[in-house]
Protein backbone atom coordinates (compact mmCIF):
# COMPACT_ATOMS: atom_id res chain seq x y z
CA MET A 1 -24.43 -15.39 -15.32
CA GLU A 2 -25.28 -13.05 -18.20
CA GLN A 3 -28.47 -11.88 -16.46
CA ARG A 4 -26.57 -11.05 -13.25
CA VAL A 5 -23.89 -9.20 -15.23
CA GLY A 6 -26.58 -7.21 -17.00
CA GLU A 7 -28.19 -6.36 -13.65
CA THR A 8 -24.85 -5.16 -12.29
CA ILE A 9 -24.23 -2.94 -15.30
CA GLU A 10 -27.76 -1.61 -15.00
CA LYS A 11 -27.19 -0.87 -11.31
CA TYR A 12 -23.94 1.08 -11.71
CA PHE A 13 -24.18 2.43 -15.26
CA GLY A 14 -27.93 2.51 -15.83
CA GLU A 15 -28.32 6.17 -14.90
CA LEU A 16 -26.02 7.36 -17.67
CA LYS A 17 -27.92 9.78 -19.87
CA ASP A 18 -28.18 8.70 -23.49
CA PRO A 19 -26.77 11.61 -25.57
CA ARG A 20 -28.93 10.76 -28.62
CA LEU A 21 -32.39 11.99 -29.48
CA GLU A 22 -34.91 9.27 -28.64
CA ARG A 23 -36.30 9.13 -32.16
CA THR A 24 -32.84 8.41 -33.59
CA ARG A 25 -32.02 5.46 -31.30
CA LEU A 26 -31.83 2.07 -32.94
CA HIS A 27 -29.75 0.49 -30.16
CA GLU A 28 -30.02 0.70 -26.38
CA LEU A 29 -27.22 2.56 -24.61
CA LEU A 30 -26.48 -0.32 -22.21
CA ASP A 31 -26.30 -2.76 -25.14
CA ILE A 32 -23.71 -0.48 -26.77
CA LEU A 33 -21.77 -0.30 -23.51
CA ILE A 34 -21.81 -4.07 -22.94
CA ILE A 35 -20.77 -4.89 -26.52
CA ALA A 36 -17.93 -2.36 -26.37
CA LEU A 37 -16.69 -3.74 -23.03
CA CYS A 38 -16.81 -7.36 -24.21
CA ALA A 39 -15.00 -6.40 -27.40
CA ILE A 40 -12.21 -4.51 -25.59
CA ILE A 41 -11.72 -7.42 -23.19
CA GLY A 42 -11.50 -9.61 -26.29
CA GLY A 43 -8.80 -7.54 -28.00
CA ALA A 44 -10.59 -4.64 -29.72
CA ASP A 45 -8.52 -1.44 -29.78
CA ASN A 46 -10.78 0.85 -31.85
CA TRP A 47 -14.43 1.19 -32.86
CA GLU A 48 -13.96 -0.79 -36.09
CA ASP A 49 -12.64 -3.70 -33.99
CA VAL A 50 -15.61 -3.36 -31.64
CA GLU A 51 -18.08 -3.67 -34.53
CA GLU A 52 -16.24 -6.68 -35.98
CA PHE A 53 -16.20 -8.39 -32.58
CA GLY A 54 -19.93 -7.77 -32.20
CA ARG A 55 -20.72 -9.27 -35.58
CA ALA A 56 -18.48 -12.28 -34.96
CA ARG A 57 -20.09 -12.93 -31.55
CA GLU A 58 -23.64 -11.81 -32.36
CA ALA A 59 -25.19 -15.21 -31.65
CA TRP A 60 -23.57 -15.31 -28.20
CA LEU A 61 -24.50 -11.68 -27.45
CA ARG A 62 -28.13 -12.44 -28.31
CA THR A 63 -28.23 -14.95 -25.44
CA PHE A 64 -28.36 -12.03 -23.00
CA LEU A 65 -28.97 -8.87 -25.09
CA PRO A 66 -32.14 -8.25 -27.16
CA LEU A 67 -30.30 -6.50 -30.03
CA PRO A 68 -33.55 -5.59 -31.86
CA ASN A 69 -31.61 -3.93 -34.68
CA GLY A 70 -28.55 -6.13 -34.69
CA ILE A 71 -25.00 -4.96 -33.99
CA PRO A 72 -24.35 -1.19 -34.11
CA SER A 73 -21.93 0.11 -36.73
CA HIS A 74 -18.54 1.45 -35.74
CA ASP A 75 -19.82 4.93 -36.57
CA THR A 76 -22.60 4.46 -34.01
CA PHE A 77 -20.14 3.36 -31.33
CA GLY A 78 -17.92 6.32 -32.16
CA ARG A 79 -20.76 8.89 -32.09
CA VAL A 80 -22.28 7.60 -28.85
CA PHE A 81 -19.05 7.52 -26.88
CA ALA A 82 -17.91 10.83 -28.35
CA ARG A 83 -21.03 12.49 -26.93
CA LEU A 84 -21.49 10.46 -23.73
CA ASP A 85 -20.90 12.56 -20.58
CA ALA A 86 -17.35 11.55 -19.65
CA VAL A 87 -17.55 12.80 -16.06
CA ALA A 88 -20.73 10.81 -15.44
CA PHE A 89 -19.11 7.71 -16.99
CA GLN A 90 -16.06 8.10 -14.75
CA ARG A 91 -18.27 8.45 -11.67
CA SER A 92 -20.21 5.34 -12.67
CA PHE A 93 -16.89 3.50 -12.94
CA VAL A 94 -15.85 4.65 -9.45
CA ASN A 95 -19.23 3.65 -8.00
CA TRP A 96 -18.89 0.20 -9.58
CA VAL A 97 -15.38 -0.40 -8.19
CA GLN A 98 -16.38 0.79 -4.73
CA GLY A 99 -19.60 -1.23 -4.87
CA VAL A 100 -18.02 -4.59 -5.71
CA SER A 101 -14.62 -4.35 -3.97
CA GLN A 102 -13.22 -3.42 -0.58
CA VAL A 103 -10.25 -1.15 0.03
CA LEU A 104 -8.80 -2.20 3.36
CA PRO A 105 -6.92 0.27 5.60
CA GLY A 106 -3.15 0.52 5.20
CA GLN A 107 -3.10 -0.08 1.44
CA VAL A 108 -0.97 2.07 -0.86
CA ILE A 109 -3.02 4.04 -3.40
CA ALA A 110 -0.72 5.47 -6.08
CA ILE A 111 -1.88 8.56 -7.98
CA ASP A 112 -0.27 9.22 -11.34
CA GLY A 113 -1.05 10.66 -14.77
CA LYS A 114 -0.66 9.24 -18.27
CA LYS A 115 -1.17 10.66 -21.75
CA PRO A 116 -2.49 8.26 -24.43
CA HIS A 117 -0.47 9.75 -27.28
CA GLY A 118 -2.83 8.47 -29.97
CA SER A 119 -5.51 10.84 -28.66
CA LYS A 120 -3.52 13.80 -30.00
CA ASP A 121 -5.32 15.45 -32.91
CA PRO A 122 -2.96 17.71 -34.89
CA GLY A 123 -5.75 18.56 -37.33
CA ILE A 124 -7.56 20.66 -34.77
CA GLY A 125 -4.47 21.57 -32.76
CA ARG A 126 -5.40 19.44 -29.73
CA GLY A 127 -2.75 17.68 -27.70
CA ALA A 128 -3.05 14.25 -26.13
CA ILE A 129 -5.45 14.04 -23.21
CA ASP A 130 -3.97 13.54 -19.73
CA MET A 131 -5.74 11.00 -17.51
CA VAL A 132 -4.92 10.89 -13.79
CA SER A 133 -5.60 7.48 -12.24
CA ALA A 134 -5.70 6.01 -8.74
CA TRP A 135 -4.08 2.57 -8.61
CA ALA A 136 -4.54 0.19 -5.64
CA THR A 137 -1.10 -1.39 -5.60
CA GLU A 138 -1.80 -4.52 -3.55
CA ASN A 139 -4.71 -5.91 -5.51
CA GLU A 140 -3.92 -4.21 -8.82
CA LEU A 141 -7.13 -2.26 -9.37
CA VAL A 142 -7.83 1.07 -11.03
CA LEU A 143 -10.02 2.77 -8.43
CA GLY A 144 -10.89 5.78 -10.57
CA GLN A 145 -9.64 8.32 -13.06
CA VAL A 146 -10.26 11.89 -14.20
CA LYS A 147 -9.22 13.79 -17.28
CA VAL A 148 -7.02 16.82 -16.69
CA ASP A 149 -8.78 19.92 -17.96
CA ASP A 150 -7.21 21.30 -21.14
CA LYS A 151 -6.56 24.66 -19.44
CA SER A 152 -5.30 23.18 -16.16
CA ASN A 153 -2.89 20.50 -14.93
CA GLU A 154 -2.62 17.50 -12.62
CA ILE A 155 -2.42 19.73 -9.54
CA THR A 156 -6.13 20.54 -9.85
CA ALA A 157 -7.15 17.09 -11.15
CA ILE A 158 -5.69 15.11 -8.24
CA PRO A 159 -7.93 16.62 -5.52
CA GLU A 160 -10.94 16.16 -7.83
CA LEU A 161 -10.10 12.48 -8.21
CA LEU A 162 -9.44 11.98 -4.49
CA ARG A 163 -12.79 13.46 -3.54
CA MET A 164 -14.49 10.77 -5.66
CA LEU A 165 -12.79 7.89 -3.82
CA SER A 166 -13.18 6.10 -0.50
CA VAL A 167 -9.58 5.87 0.72
CA ALA A 168 -9.98 6.21 4.50
CA GLY A 169 -7.08 4.58 6.33
CA CYS A 170 -4.99 4.15 3.17
CA ILE A 171 -1.59 5.60 2.24
CA VAL A 172 -1.88 7.86 -0.81
CA THR A 173 1.35 8.33 -2.74
CA VAL A 174 1.86 11.09 -5.32
CA ASP A 175 4.90 12.15 -7.35
CA SER A 176 6.43 15.62 -7.14
CA MET A 177 3.85 17.29 -9.41
CA GLY A 178 1.24 16.57 -6.74
CA CYS A 179 3.37 17.75 -3.83
CA GLN A 180 1.00 20.59 -3.04
CA VAL A 181 -0.67 21.74 0.17
CA GLU A 182 -4.13 21.38 -1.41
CA VAL A 183 -3.41 17.77 -2.36
CA ALA A 184 -2.18 16.97 1.15
CA GLN A 185 -5.25 18.64 2.66
CA THR A 186 -7.60 16.68 0.41
CA ILE A 187 -5.94 13.40 1.42
CA VAL A 188 -6.26 14.29 5.10
CA ASP A 189 -9.89 15.34 4.57
CA GLN A 190 -10.50 11.88 3.08
CA GLU A 191 -9.12 10.38 6.33
CA ALA A 192 -6.06 8.94 4.61
CA ASP A 193 -2.31 9.48 5.04
CA TYR A 194 -0.02 11.00 2.42
CA LEU A 195 3.49 10.30 1.18
CA LEU A 196 4.44 13.02 -1.30
CA ALA A 197 7.63 13.23 -3.38
CA LEU A 198 9.40 16.51 -2.62
CA LYS A 199 11.38 18.38 -5.26
CA GLU A 200 12.37 21.92 -6.19
CA ASN A 201 8.77 22.96 -6.87
CA GLN A 202 8.73 23.55 -3.08
CA PRO A 203 12.14 25.30 -3.05
CA LEU A 204 12.56 26.41 0.57
CA LEU A 205 11.22 23.21 2.10
CA TYR A 206 13.21 21.07 -0.34
CA ALA A 207 16.43 22.93 0.48
CA ASP A 208 15.85 22.52 4.22
CA VAL A 209 15.06 18.80 3.98
CA ALA A 210 18.10 18.13 1.79
CA ARG A 211 20.28 20.09 4.21
CA LEU A 212 18.79 18.25 7.18
CA PHE A 213 19.70 14.82 5.83
CA ALA A 214 23.14 16.01 4.73
CA ASP A 215 23.68 17.16 8.31
CA LEU A 216 22.46 13.78 9.58
CA ASP A 217 25.20 12.09 7.53
CA THR A 218 27.98 14.15 9.14
CA SER A 219 26.65 14.49 12.68
CA PRO A 220 27.77 12.37 15.64
CA PRO A 221 25.54 9.45 16.65
CA ARG A 222 22.39 10.38 18.58
CA SER A 223 22.44 13.95 17.29
CA TYR A 224 19.09 13.22 15.66
CA VAL A 225 16.22 10.88 16.46
CA TYR A 226 15.62 8.94 13.27
CA GLU A 227 14.76 5.51 11.84
CA HIS A 228 16.65 3.62 9.17
CA ALA A 229 15.77 0.63 6.97
CA ARG A 230 17.30 -1.00 3.92
CA SER A 231 16.45 -3.51 1.24
CA PHE A 232 18.32 -5.34 -1.52
CA ASP A 233 17.00 -6.41 -4.90
CA ASN A 234 18.78 -8.60 -7.42
CA THR A 235 16.00 -9.30 -9.91
CA HIS A 236 16.50 -9.26 -13.69
CA GLY A 237 20.26 -9.45 -13.19
CA ARG A 238 20.46 -5.97 -11.69
CA ALA A 239 21.61 -5.48 -8.11
CA GLU A 240 20.00 -2.55 -6.32
CA LYS A 241 20.30 -1.33 -2.76
CA ARG A 242 17.70 0.97 -1.22
CA GLN A 243 17.95 2.74 2.10
CA CYS A 244 15.42 4.87 3.94
CA TRP A 245 15.92 7.42 6.69
CA THR A 246 12.97 9.09 8.42
CA ILE A 247 13.01 11.99 10.87
CA ALA A 248 9.78 12.52 12.81
CA ASP A 249 11.05 14.57 15.73
CA PRO A 250 8.52 17.44 15.97
CA GLU A 251 11.21 19.76 17.33
CA VAL A 252 13.10 19.29 14.07
CA VAL A 253 10.21 19.06 11.59
CA GLN A 254 8.43 22.20 12.82
CA HIS A 255 11.48 24.37 12.10
CA LEU A 256 11.62 23.46 8.40
CA ARG A 257 10.61 26.48 6.35
CA GLY A 258 6.95 26.20 5.34
CA ALA A 259 6.33 23.05 7.41
CA GLU A 260 3.43 24.71 9.23
CA ARG A 261 1.46 24.91 5.96
CA TRP A 262 1.29 21.13 5.52
CA PRO A 263 -1.62 19.45 7.33
CA LYS A 264 -0.62 16.77 9.83
CA LEU A 265 2.98 16.70 8.58
CA GLN A 266 4.79 14.28 10.88
CA CYS A 267 7.98 13.24 9.18
CA VAL A 268 10.41 13.83 6.35
CA VAL A 269 11.96 10.98 4.41
CA ARG A 270 15.07 10.27 2.35
CA ILE A 271 15.26 7.27 0.03
CA ARG A 272 18.73 6.47 -1.32
CA ARG A 273 18.95 4.17 -4.32
CA GLU A 274 22.32 2.65 -5.30
CA TYR A 275 22.70 0.58 -8.46
CA VAL A 276 25.04 -0.21 -11.35
CA ASP A 277 24.26 1.27 -14.77
CA GLY A 278 26.57 -0.39 -17.28
CA GLU A 279 29.96 -0.10 -15.63
CA GLU A 280 29.02 3.00 -13.64
CA GLN A 281 28.00 2.89 -9.98
CA LYS A 282 25.15 5.33 -9.38
CA CYS A 283 23.56 6.77 -6.27
CA GLU A 284 20.50 9.00 -6.14
CA ASP A 285 18.55 10.51 -3.27
CA ARG A 286 14.84 11.38 -3.20
CA PHE A 287 12.98 13.21 -0.46
CA PHE A 288 9.38 12.92 0.75
CA LEU A 289 6.86 14.49 3.11
CA SER A 290 4.45 12.31 5.07
CA SER A 291 1.64 12.44 7.58
CA LEU A 292 2.71 9.00 8.81
CA SER A 293 4.61 8.55 12.06
CA GLY A 294 7.98 7.79 10.50
CA ALA A 295 8.43 3.99 10.36
CA ALA A 296 11.30 3.65 7.89
CA GLN A 297 10.43 0.14 6.72
CA GLN A 298 6.86 1.22 5.97
CA MET A 299 8.08 4.25 3.99
CA LEU A 300 10.53 2.13 2.01
CA GLY A 301 7.77 -0.27 1.04
CA ALA A 302 5.29 2.48 0.18
CA VAL A 303 7.72 4.31 -2.09
CA ARG A 304 8.56 1.07 -3.88
CA ALA A 305 4.87 0.20 -4.21
CA HIS A 306 4.11 3.58 -5.81
CA TRP A 307 6.04 2.64 -8.93
CA HIS A 308 3.72 -0.31 -9.56
CA VAL A 309 1.45 2.25 -11.21
CA GLU A 310 4.08 2.53 -13.96
CA ASN A 311 4.84 -1.12 -14.63
CA LYS A 312 1.51 -2.72 -13.72
CA LEU A 313 -0.87 -0.10 -15.09
CA HIS A 314 0.73 2.29 -17.58
CA TRP A 315 3.08 -0.28 -19.12
CA VAL A 316 0.25 -2.82 -19.47
CA LEU A 317 -1.98 -0.21 -21.13
CA ASP A 318 0.82 0.56 -23.59
CA ILE A 319 1.82 -3.02 -24.38
CA ALA A 320 -1.26 -5.20 -23.86
CA PHE A 321 -3.88 -2.62 -24.92
CA ARG A 322 -1.75 -0.62 -27.40
CA GLU A 323 -3.15 2.55 -25.88
CA ASP A 324 -0.74 4.90 -27.64
CA ASP A 325 -1.78 3.47 -31.03
CA CYS A 326 -5.48 4.10 -30.49
CA ARG A 327 -6.76 6.87 -32.78
CA VAL A 328 -10.07 7.49 -31.02
CA ARG A 329 -9.97 11.30 -30.87
CA LYS A 330 -13.42 12.85 -31.29
CA ASP A 331 -14.88 14.87 -28.40
CA HIS A 332 -15.27 12.69 -25.25
CA GLY A 333 -14.30 9.54 -27.15
CA PRO A 334 -10.67 9.31 -25.92
CA GLU A 335 -11.46 9.57 -22.21
CA ASN A 336 -14.49 7.27 -22.46
CA PHE A 337 -12.42 4.67 -24.32
CA ALA A 338 -9.81 5.01 -21.55
CA VAL A 339 -12.49 4.22 -18.96
CA LEU A 340 -13.54 1.14 -20.94
CA ARG A 341 -9.89 0.01 -21.01
CA HIS A 342 -9.68 0.49 -17.23
CA ILE A 343 -12.82 -1.61 -16.67
CA ALA A 344 -11.40 -4.33 -18.93
CA LEU A 345 -8.01 -4.22 -17.21
CA ASN A 346 -9.59 -4.53 -13.75
CA LEU A 347 -11.58 -7.55 -14.86
CA LEU A 348 -8.61 -9.24 -16.55
CA LYS A 349 -6.33 -8.58 -13.56
CA GLN A 350 -8.83 -10.14 -11.16
CA GLU A 351 -9.39 -13.27 -13.29
CA LYS A 352 -6.95 -15.83 -11.81
CA SER A 353 -7.82 -19.11 -13.53
CA SER A 354 -5.55 -18.28 -16.48
CA ARG A 355 -1.84 -17.78 -15.86
CA ARG A 356 -1.29 -15.95 -19.14
CA SER A 357 -0.35 -12.30 -19.53
CA ILE A 358 -3.02 -9.63 -19.98
CA HIS A 359 -2.43 -9.82 -23.74
CA GLY A 360 -2.80 -13.59 -23.59
CA LYS A 361 -6.01 -13.32 -21.57
CA ARG A 362 -7.44 -10.94 -24.16
CA LEU A 363 -6.72 -13.52 -26.85
CA GLN A 364 -8.40 -16.24 -24.78
CA ALA A 365 -11.45 -14.03 -24.30
CA ALA A 366 -11.63 -13.46 -28.06
CA TRP A 367 -11.33 -17.17 -28.85
CA LYS A 368 -13.49 -18.70 -26.11
CA THR A 369 -16.80 -17.22 -25.00
CA ASP A 370 -16.79 -19.40 -21.88
CA TYR A 371 -13.55 -17.70 -20.78
CA LEU A 372 -15.00 -14.28 -21.62
CA GLU A 373 -17.97 -15.17 -19.40
CA THR A 374 -15.54 -16.03 -16.60
CA VAL A 375 -13.86 -12.64 -16.98
CA LEU A 376 -17.22 -10.87 -16.93
CA THR A 377 -18.11 -12.41 -13.57
CA GLY A 378 -15.64 -9.90 -12.13
CA LEU A 379 -18.32 -7.27 -12.70
CA LEU A 380 -20.19 -8.90 -9.82
CA SER A 381 -17.36 -8.94 -7.28
CA LEU A 382 -13.75 -7.80 -7.42
CA ALA A 383 -11.46 -9.45 -4.87
CA PRO A 384 -10.89 -7.35 -1.71
CA LEU A 385 -7.53 -5.75 -1.11
CA VAL A 386 -5.56 -7.84 1.35
């Protein structure tokens, strides 16, 4: 198993350029990468933890790594990952996911950003980095990620990320920050469909869509051609009703102000959420643009699936990986550590023999090398999206 894992890492990460001078290298770059990944799967949350894990598991690591100079120090891990080309590492990650998994058509790919707050460095006046990730909601995989440029925002990062991915036939969902013509065009160029949250950052179109659905509520039956679907949820002791209305009549959609700018825009969507907060009954409406044909049940499911990126990716990174507590801050270190966390999370999510939480699986991997070996087999093949 270890040999095949090493071959897979060599195949997808072997072209990474070592940032060190050759005469200063005591440890091979791929050895450093493999030790760091094993350590993070096994509970390490900083470079000191990574070194301690390596020393504790050195005998096991030597069964498949040469380690001519033993286990690198935490300073070595920190220096290497601080200087390692983060963009190249991210592309290697994407190539690995696409090489060992299959994204089937019709899947929801949620795009969203997150700031690991521990990466903030007040000493040099640098804020927390912002990583935008693509999350395959059905099979719970991070498909890729990019760091938002310090002088830019998610609007420019999202198209960059999308162009790295193979998402043909999928439904790409993005929150209101990404409701931009360029984002929609990039999704269409990638042969996917979009479902974009619409808010006041598109003021004229937002006003027209809100007015359209308000008019639908007060108009006589058959005044509009539309679809409607609803769902009820009573999990965690909280009753929630969701309704979806879609209007895909081209005679209506084409007269919305600015509609002609949006590539392949076919329908507009309203999602109404009704729930009880304490003793107060609440109702909120959200609006969306889509290149899909307007099936209300499909839209309702896709919008609901989008929020899996919050509770199945971001929440897990915060709780199980303590991402906000990580103080890796130097140069490219924060974004490279984020990529290592994403690799570890993908592998732990795909490992199904244990029914424990991600935190529990990390503990098992730290305690039992045979379980860690089972987790590592995910490097060879991630389950296809179904």
